[in-house]
Amino acid sequence: MAKLQDERIVETAVEARGAERGPTVRNVLVVSLCLVVVAFAVIYFIYFRH
């Protein structure tokens, strides 16, 4: 809970942020990275395969 200290509001990092980052952020990053790797592999096989 926010506290008043020397006429300032003092909060923890989680309180100031309003919420914690859940696994959703990590999942989005992992899935998007995998899709980019697959896209580059497809482009490579289409254009550079002999």
Protein backbone atom coordinates (compact mmCIF):
# COMPACT_ATOMS: atom_id res chain seq x y z
CA MET A 1 0.00 0.00 0.00
CA ALA A 2 1.25 3.47 -0.80
CA LYS A 3 2.71 5.39 2.11
CA LEU A 4 3.15 9.10 2.62
CA GLN A 5 6.75 9.93 3.52
CA ASP A 6 8.09 13.50 3.69
CA GLU A 7 5.05 14.68 1.73
CA ARG A 8 5.82 12.15 -1.04
CA ILE A 9 3.97 9.01 -2.00
CA VAL A 10 6.22 5.96 -1.71
CA GLU A 11 5.25 2.71 -3.46
CA THR A 12 6.95 -0.53 -4.29
CA ALA A 13 7.88 -1.25 -7.92
CA VAL A 14 4.92 -3.64 -8.34
CA GLU A 15 2.49 -1.11 -6.91
CA ALA A 16 3.81 1.67 -9.11
CA ARG A 17 3.63 -0.53 -12.21
CA GLY A 18 0.09 -1.56 -11.38
CA ALA A 19 0.65 -5.25 -12.08
CA GLU A 20 3.29 -7.85 -12.65
CA ARG A 21 4.38 -8.97 -16.07
CA GLY A 22 2.92 -12.38 -16.55
CA PRO A 23 4.05 -15.20 -18.78
CA THR A 24 2.09 -13.60 -21.63
CA VAL A 25 4.94 -11.26 -22.57
CA ARG A 26 7.41 -14.14 -22.67
CA ASN A 27 5.04 -16.26 -24.75
CA VAL A 28 4.51 -13.51 -27.32
CA LEU A 29 8.27 -13.01 -27.67
CA VAL A 30 8.98 -16.72 -28.06
CA VAL A 31 6.20 -17.29 -30.60
CA SER A 32 7.16 -14.25 -32.67
CA LEU A 33 10.83 -15.26 -32.68
CA CYS A 34 9.90 -18.76 -33.85
CA LEU A 35 7.72 -17.34 -36.63
CA VAL A 36 10.54 -15.10 -37.83
CA VAL A 37 12.95 -18.04 -37.93
CA VAL A 38 10.45 -20.11 -39.91
CA ALA A 39 9.83 -17.21 -42.31
CA PHE A 40 13.56 -16.78 -42.95
CA ALA A 41 13.93 -20.53 -43.53
CA VAL A 42 11.09 -20.52 -46.05
CA ILE A 43 12.55 -17.51 -47.87
CA TYR A 44 15.97 -19.17 -47.94
CA PHE A 45 14.63 -22.42 -49.41
CA ILE A 46 12.54 -20.60 -52.00
CA TYR A 47 15.19 -18.20 -53.29
CA PHE A 48 18.59 -19.75 -52.57
CA ARG A 49 18.08 -23.47 -53.04
CA HIS A 50 19.64 -24.81 -56.23
